[in-house]
C-alpha atoms as a PDB file:
ATOM      1  CA  MET A   1       4.000   9.427  17.330  1.00  0.00           C
ATOM      2  CA  SER A   2       2.527   6.248  15.849  1.00  0.00           C
ATOM      3  CA  LEU A   3       4.401   2.958  15.716  1.00  0.00           C
ATOM      4  CA  GLN A   4       4.466   3.234  11.928  1.00  0.00           C
ATOM      5  CA  ARG A   5       6.100   6.634  12.054  1.00  0.00           C
ATOM      6  CA  LYS A   6       8.677   5.257  14.470  1.00  0.00           C
ATOM      7  CA  GLY A   7       9.438   2.606  11.865  1.00  0.00           C
ATOM      8  CA  ASP A   8       8.207  -0.306  13.971  1.00  0.00           C
ATOM      9  CA  LEU A   9       5.980  -1.916  11.352  1.00  0.00           C
ATOM     10  CA  PRO A  10       5.652  -5.347  13.014  1.00  0.00           C
ATOM     11  CA  LYS A  11       4.343  -3.814  16.238  1.00  0.00           C
ATOM     12  CA  ALA A  12       2.087  -1.474  14.290  1.00  0.00           C
ATOM     13  CA  MET A  13       0.644  -4.378  12.313  1.00  0.00           C
ATOM     14  CA  ASN A  14       0.046  -6.387  15.493  1.00  0.00           C
ATOM     15  CA  HIS A  15      -1.738  -3.356  16.948  1.00  0.00           C
ATOM     16  CA  TYR A  16      -4.006  -3.006  13.899  1.00  0.00           C
ATOM     17  CA  ARG A  17      -4.762  -6.730  13.811  1.00  0.00           C
ATOM     18  CA  GLU A  18      -5.663  -6.660  17.503  1.00  0.00           C
ATOM     19  CA  SER A  19      -7.929  -3.668  16.845  1.00  0.00           C
ATOM     20  CA  ILE A  20      -9.642  -5.636  14.078  1.00  0.00           C
ATOM     21  CA  ARG A  21     -10.004  -8.683  16.320  1.00  0.00           C
ATOM     22  CA  LEU A  22     -11.660  -6.590  19.024  1.00  0.00           C
ATOM     23  CA  LYS A  23     -13.726  -4.541  16.578  1.00  0.00           C
ATOM     24  CA  PRO A  24     -14.158  -6.313  13.226  1.00  0.00           C
ATOM     25  CA  ASP A  25     -15.956  -3.327  11.699  1.00  0.00           C
ATOM     26  CA  HIS A  26     -13.077  -0.909  12.435  1.00  0.00           C
ATOM     27  CA  ALA A  27     -12.484   0.488   8.935  1.00  0.00           C
ATOM     28  CA  LYS A  28      -9.554   2.691   9.984  1.00  0.00           C
ATOM     29  CA  ALA A  29      -7.671  -0.296  11.347  1.00  0.00           C
ATOM     30  CA  TYR A  30      -8.010  -2.083   7.986  1.00  0.00           C
ATOM     31  CA  ASN A  31      -6.809   1.045   6.185  1.00  0.00           C
ATOM     32  CA  ASN A  32      -3.806   1.442   8.482  1.00  0.00           C
ATOM     33  CA  LEU A  33      -2.946  -2.247   8.224  1.00  0.00           C
ATOM     34  CA  GLY A  34      -3.030  -1.824   4.457  1.00  0.00           C
ATOM     35  CA  ILE A  35      -0.542   1.041   4.715  1.00  0.00           C
ATOM     36  CA  ALA A  36       1.832  -1.071   6.789  1.00  0.00           C
ATOM     37  CA  LEU A  37       1.587  -3.945   4.319  1.00  0.00           C
ATOM     38  CA  ALA A  38       2.222  -1.597   1.393  1.00  0.00           C
ATOM     39  CA  LYS A  39       5.362  -0.332   3.118  1.00  0.00           C
ATOM     40  CA  GLN A  40       6.557  -3.940   3.281  1.00  0.00           C
ATOM     41  CA  GLY A  41       5.968  -4.345  -0.447  1.00  0.00           C
ATOM     42  CA  LYS A  42       2.932  -6.580   0.084  1.00  0.00           C
ATOM     43  CA  VAL A  43       0.783  -4.596  -2.311  1.00  0.00           C
ATOM     44  CA  GLN A  44      -1.835  -7.254  -3.035  1.00  0.00           C
ATOM     45  CA  ASP A  45      -2.365  -7.824   0.694  1.00  0.00           C
ATOM     46  CA  ALA A  46      -2.658  -4.056   1.139  1.00  0.00           C
ATOM     47  CA  ILE A  47      -5.314  -3.916  -1.579  1.00  0.00           C
ATOM     48  CA  ARG A  48      -7.375  -6.496   0.306  1.00  0.00           C
ATOM     49  CA  GLN A  49      -7.223  -4.400   3.478  1.00  0.00           C
ATOM     50  CA  TYR A  50      -8.176  -1.162   1.731  1.00  0.00           C
ATOM     51  CA  SER A  51     -11.039  -2.959  -0.009  1.00  0.00           C
ATOM     52  CA  GLU A  52     -12.312  -4.263   3.324  1.00  0.00           C
ATOM     53  CA  ALA A  53     -12.093  -0.768   4.802  1.00  0.00           C
ATOM     54  CA  LEU A  54     -14.238   0.481   1.937  1.00  0.00           C
ATOM     55  CA  ARG A  55     -16.705  -2.354   2.305  1.00  0.00           C
ATOM     56  CA  LEU A  56     -17.183  -1.208   5.899  1.00  0.00           C
ATOM     57  CA  ASN A  57     -17.176   2.503   5.081  1.00  0.00           C
ATOM     58  CA  SER A  58     -17.978   3.447   1.501  1.00  0.00           C
ATOM     59  CA  GLY A  59     -17.373   7.121   2.285  1.00  0.00           C
ATOM     60  CA  TYR A  60     -13.764   6.672   3.372  1.00  0.00           C
ATOM     61  CA  ALA A  61     -11.813   9.028   1.089  1.00  0.00           C
ATOM     62  CA  GLN A  62      -8.381   8.089   2.423  1.00  0.00           C
ATOM     63  CA  ALA A  63      -8.958   4.405   1.730  1.00  0.00           C
ATOM     64  CA  TYR A  64      -9.948   5.201  -1.874  1.00  0.00           C
ATOM     65  CA  ASN A  65      -6.747   7.210  -2.262  1.00  0.00           C
ATOM     66  CA  ASN A  66      -4.627   4.459  -0.752  1.00  0.00           C
ATOM     67  CA  LEU A  67      -6.286   1.814  -2.893  1.00  0.00           C
ATOM     68  CA  GLY A  68      -5.587   3.991  -5.920  1.00  0.00           C
ATOM     69  CA  ALA A  69      -1.916   4.226  -4.944  1.00  0.00           C
ATOM     70  CA  ALA A  70      -1.638   0.445  -4.602  1.00  0.00           C
ATOM     71  CA  LEU A  71      -3.372  -0.105  -7.945  1.00  0.00           C
ATOM     72  CA  THR A  72      -1.048   2.446  -9.555  1.00  0.00           C
ATOM     73  CA  GLU A  73       1.916   0.484  -8.265  1.00  0.00           C
ATOM     74  CA  GLN A  74       0.464  -2.658  -9.836  1.00  0.00           C
ATOM     75  CA  GLY A  75      -0.055  -0.903 -13.165  1.00  0.00           C
ATOM     76  CA  GLN A  76      -3.858  -0.997 -12.928  1.00  0.00           C
ATOM     77  CA  ILE A  77      -4.099   2.638 -13.931  1.00  0.00           C
ATOM     78  CA  ASP A  78      -7.746   2.856 -14.994  1.00  0.00           C
ATOM     79  CA  LYS A  79      -8.890   1.336 -11.703  1.00  0.00           C
ATOM     80  CA  ALA A  80      -6.546   3.643  -9.827  1.00  0.00           C
ATOM     81  CA  ILE A  81      -8.019   6.693 -11.565  1.00  0.00           C
ATOM     82  CA  ARG A  82     -11.538   5.637 -10.622  1.00  0.00           C
ATOM     83  CA  ASN A  83     -10.506   5.379  -6.972  1.00  0.00           C
ATOM     84  CA  TYR A  84      -8.727   8.734  -6.951  1.00  0.00           C
ATOM     85  CA  ASN A  85     -11.759  10.371  -8.534  1.00  0.00           C
ATOM     86  CA  ARG A  86     -13.997   8.810  -5.898  1.00  0.00           C
ATOM     87  CA  ALA A  87     -11.703  10.116  -3.163  1.00  0.00           C
ATOM     88  CA  LEU A  88     -11.984  13.610  -4.642  1.00  0.00           C
ATOM     89  CA  GLU A  89     -15.776  13.353  -4.917  1.00  0.00           C
ATOM     90  CA  LEU A  90     -15.845  12.668  -1.192  1.00  0.00           C
ATOM     91  CA  LYS A  91     -13.110  15.145  -0.280  1.00  0.00           C
ATOM     92  CA  PRO A  92     -12.577  17.821  -2.974  1.00  0.00           C
ATOM     93  CA  ASP A  93      -9.806  19.523  -0.970  1.00  0.00           C
ATOM     94  CA  TYR A  94      -7.728  16.320  -0.834  1.00  0.00           C
ATOM     95  CA  ALA A  95      -4.300  17.475  -2.037  1.00  0.00           C
ATOM     96  CA  GLU A  96      -2.716  14.019  -1.964  1.00  0.00           C
ATOM     97  CA  ALA A  97      -5.456  12.548  -4.139  1.00  0.00           C
ATOM     98  CA  HIS A  98      -4.991  15.355  -6.679  1.00  0.00           C
ATOM     99  CA  ASN A  99      -1.263  14.643  -6.844  1.00  0.00           C
ATOM    100  CA  ASN A 100      -1.768  10.905  -7.126  1.00  0.00           C
ATOM    101  CA  LEU A 101      -4.445  11.290  -9.793  1.00  0.00           C
ATOM    102  CA  GLY A 102      -1.981  13.451 -11.699  1.00  0.00           C
ATOM    103  CA  VAL A 103       0.607  10.673 -11.595  1.00  0.00           C
ATOM    104  CA  ALA A 104      -1.917   8.131 -12.869  1.00  0.00           C
ATOM    105  CA  LEU A 105      -3.016  10.429 -15.702  1.00  0.00           C
ATOM    106  CA  LYS A 106       0.612  11.016 -16.661  1.00  0.00           C
ATOM    107  CA  LYS A 107       1.091   7.255 -16.953  1.00  0.00           C
ATOM    108  CA  LYS A 108      -1.708   7.303 -19.549  1.00  0.00           C
ATOM    109  CA  GLY A 109       0.071  10.074 -21.441  1.00  0.00           C
ATOM    110  CA  GLN A 110      -2.321  12.807 -20.306  1.00  0.00           C
ATOM    111  CA  ILE A 111       0.407  15.163 -19.091  1.00  0.00           C
ATOM    112  CA  ILE A 112      -1.613  18.390 -19.415  1.00  0.00           C
ATOM    113  CA  GLU A 113      -4.459  16.969 -17.346  1.00  0.00           C
ATOM    114  CA  ALA A 114      -1.908  15.601 -14.895  1.00  0.00           C
ATOM    115  CA  ALA A 115      -0.349  19.039 -14.469  1.00  0.00           C
ATOM    116  CA  LYS A 116      -3.757  20.545 -13.664  1.00  0.00           C
ATOM    117  CA  HIS A 117      -4.050  18.167 -10.715  1.00  0.00           C
ATOM    118  CA  TYR A 118      -0.512  18.921  -9.529  1.00  0.00           C
ATOM    119  CA  TYR A 119      -1.419  22.614  -9.495  1.00  0.00           C
ATOM    120  CA  SER A 120      -4.660  21.821  -7.664  1.00  0.00           C
ATOM    121  CA  ALA A 121      -2.652  19.964  -5.032  1.00  0.00           C
ATOM    122  CA  LEU A 122      -0.375  22.985  -4.592  1.00  0.00           C
ATOM    123  CA  ARG A 123      -3.284  25.409  -4.310  1.00  0.00           C
ATOM    124  CA  LEU A 124      -4.622  23.253  -1.497  1.00  0.00           C
ATOM    125  CA  ASP A 125      -1.239  22.709   0.151  1.00  0.00           C
ATOM    126  CA  PRO A 126       1.547  25.102  -0.919  1.00  0.00           C
ATOM    127  CA  ASN A 127       4.057  23.232   1.267  1.00  0.00           C
ATOM    128  CA  TYR A 128       3.597  19.913  -0.536  1.00  0.00           C
ATOM    129  CA  ALA A 129       6.852  18.843  -2.202  1.00  0.00           C
ATOM    130  CA  ALA A 130       5.629  15.976  -4.429  1.00  0.00           C
ATOM    131  CA  PRO A 131       3.522  18.096  -6.860  1.00  0.00           C
ATOM    132  CA  HIS A 132       6.458  20.465  -7.355  1.00  0.00           C
ATOM    133  CA  TYR A 133       8.678  17.487  -8.156  1.00  0.00           C
ATOM    134  CA  ASN A 134       6.105  16.053 -10.552  1.00  0.00           C
ATOM    135  CA  LEU A 135       5.675  19.421 -12.270  1.00  0.00           C
ATOM    136  CA  GLY A 136       9.443  19.590 -12.608  1.00  0.00           C
ATOM    137  CA  LEU A 137       9.438  16.297 -14.482  1.00  0.00           C
ATOM    138  CA  ALA A 138       6.490  17.348 -16.631  1.00  0.00           C
ATOM    139  CA  PHE A 139       8.140  20.608 -17.671  1.00  0.00           C
ATOM    140  CA  PHE A 140      11.393  18.772 -18.326  1.00  0.00           C
ATOM    141  CA  GLN A 141       9.618  16.391 -20.685  1.00  0.00           C
ATOM    142  CA  PHE A 142       8.271  19.388 -22.598  1.00  0.00           C
ATOM    143  CA  GLY A 143      11.753  20.896 -22.821  1.00  0.00           C
ATOM    144  CA  LYS A 144      10.883  23.713 -20.395  1.00  0.00           C
ATOM    145  CA  VAL A 145      14.075  23.276 -18.413  1.00  0.00           C
ATOM    146  CA  GLY A 146      13.907  26.638 -16.646  1.00  0.00           C
ATOM    147  CA  LYS A 147      10.461  25.863 -15.253  1.00  0.00           C
ATOM    148  CA  ALA A 148      11.570  22.342 -14.370  1.00  0.00           C
ATOM    149  CA  ILE A 149      14.464  23.748 -12.362  1.00  0.00           C
ATOM    150  CA  TYR A 150      12.100  26.156 -10.594  1.00  0.00           C
ATOM    151  CA  HIS A 151       9.836  23.325  -9.425  1.00  0.00           C
ATOM    152  CA  PHE A 152      12.688  21.017  -8.433  1.00  0.00           C
ATOM    153  CA  ARG A 153      14.081  23.868  -6.337  1.00  0.00           C
ATOM    154  CA  LYS A 154      10.686  24.482  -4.742  1.00  0.00           C
ATOM    155  CA  ALA A 155      10.414  20.795  -3.851  1.00  0.00           C
ATOM    156  CA  LEU A 156      13.846  20.965  -2.217  1.00  0.00           C
ATOM    157  CA  GLN A 157      12.989  24.131  -0.312  1.00  0.00           C
ATOM    158  CA  ILE A 158      10.112  22.214   1.237  1.00  0.00           C
ATOM    159  CA  ASN A 159      12.052  18.973   1.694  1.00  0.00           C
ATOM    160  CA  PRO A 160      15.841  19.368   1.388  1.00  0.00           C
ATOM    161  CA  ALA A 161      16.291  15.585   1.696  1.00  0.00           C
ATOM    162  CA  TYR A 162      14.105  14.819  -1.370  1.00  0.00           C
ATOM    163  CA  ARG A 163      16.581  12.672  -3.321  1.00  0.00           C
ATOM    164  CA  ASP A 164      14.591  12.409  -6.547  1.00  0.00           C
ATOM    165  CA  ALA A 165      14.225  16.186  -6.644  1.00  0.00           C
ATOM    166  CA  GLN A 166      17.983  16.489  -6.077  1.00  0.00           C
ATOM    167  CA  LYS A 167      18.593  14.166  -9.026  1.00  0.00           C
ATOM    168  CA  GLY A 168      16.060  16.016 -11.158  1.00  0.00           C
ATOM    169  CA  LEU A 169      17.621  19.382 -10.408  1.00  0.00           C
ATOM    170  CA  LYS A 170      21.126  18.101 -11.135  1.00  0.00           C
ATOM    171  CA  THR A 171      20.069  16.616 -14.466  1.00  0.00           C
ATOM    172  CA  ALA A 172      18.057  19.675 -15.509  1.00  0.00           C
ATOM    173  CA  ARG A 173      20.978  21.957 -14.729  1.00  0.00           C
ATOM    174  CA  LYS A 174      23.300  19.836 -16.859  1.00  0.00           C
ATOM    175  CA  VAL A 175      20.886  20.014 -19.780  1.00  0.00           C
ATOM    176  CA  GLN A 176      20.414  23.751 -19.323  1.00  0.00           C
ATOM    177  CA  ASN A 177      24.157  24.329 -19.259  1.00  0.00           C
ATOM    178  CA  ARG A 178      24.607  22.412 -22.504  1.00  0.00           C
ATOM    179  CA  SER A 179      21.575  24.117 -24.098  1.00  0.00           C
ATOM    180  CA  GLN A 180      20.424  20.746 -25.418  1.00  0.00           C
ATOM    181  CA  ALA A 181      17.046  20.325 -23.770  1.00  0.00           C
ATOM    182  CA  LYS A 182      15.302  19.702 -27.097  1.00  0.00           C
ATOM    183  CA  LYS A 183      18.036  17.499 -28.539  1.00  0.00           C
ATOM    184  CA  LEU A 184      18.521  14.874 -25.861  1.00  0.00           C
ATOM    185  CA  PRO A 185      15.973  12.061 -25.538  1.00  0.00           C
ATOM    186  CA  ILE A 186      14.316  12.175 -22.128  1.00  0.00           C
ATOM    187  CA  GLN A 187      15.423   8.627 -21.291  1.00  0.00           C
ATOM    188  CA  GLU A 188      19.036   9.676 -21.635  1.00  0.00           C
ATOM    189  CA  THR A 189      18.735  12.536 -19.224  1.00  0.00           C
ATOM    190  CA  MET A 190      16.098  11.845 -16.569  1.00  0.00           C
ATOM    191  CA  GLN A 191      16.113   8.370 -15.062  1.00  0.00           C
ATOM    192  CA  ILE A 192      13.541   9.069 -12.356  1.00  0.00           C
ATOM    193  CA  ASP A 193       9.771   8.843 -12.380  1.00  0.00           C
ATOM    194  CA  PHE A 194       6.716  10.702 -11.160  1.00  0.00           C
ATOM    195  CA  LYS A 195       5.877  10.064  -7.516  1.00  0.00           C
ATOM    196  CA  ILE A 196       2.673   9.325  -5.703  1.00  0.00           C
ATOM    197  CA  SER A 197       2.325  10.379  -2.099  1.00  0.00           C
ATOM    198  CA  ASN A 198       2.751   8.022   0.797  1.00  0.00           C
ATOM    199  CA  PRO A 199      -0.459   6.234   1.825  1.00  0.00           C
ATOM    200  CA  ASP A 200      -2.680   8.365   4.028  1.00  0.00           C
ATOM    201  CA  LYS A 201      -3.724   7.363   7.538  1.00  0.00           C
ATOM    202  CA  GLN A 202      -6.075  10.257   8.252  1.00  0.00           C
END
């Protein structure tokens, strides 16, 4: 298990920095350092590391995906979309990039296109909770509460500790029980947002 997965970010970051010192062209070390920085909330620093990884290896799909995630967090959605698309050009079976591209498209109001990418992510990885959660939110926004509940439940079957999916399911059930899905403004019923995947170290 990696130091990052153990939750020891400082040691992980020291390890990646030492790897970079010993091998300055080690693109994976820059990518992994970027992930650690992003986990600390240092998004701009993470962007610099992902960008350096891509300067060293322009065919690094995971770094494009991670850069897209960081740009999404900063609200630079058009740039994020370009990076997700590049990741998918390099790795068409990249489920995480499909999910993350869906989130970025949703933020531009392109919910139908977003849903297509969530479904693509699930075709590639049926045991991937985030696209189910995101589809749950999308269906909820369209007033399809039954389908929203289905996808929130699927997300929780995969990851029972998924708190946002728990909240989504609870809210959707309340709306269903009151038969007011089309009457209540979404902001009054669902106070959670679409989720990108965690940065990818592969």
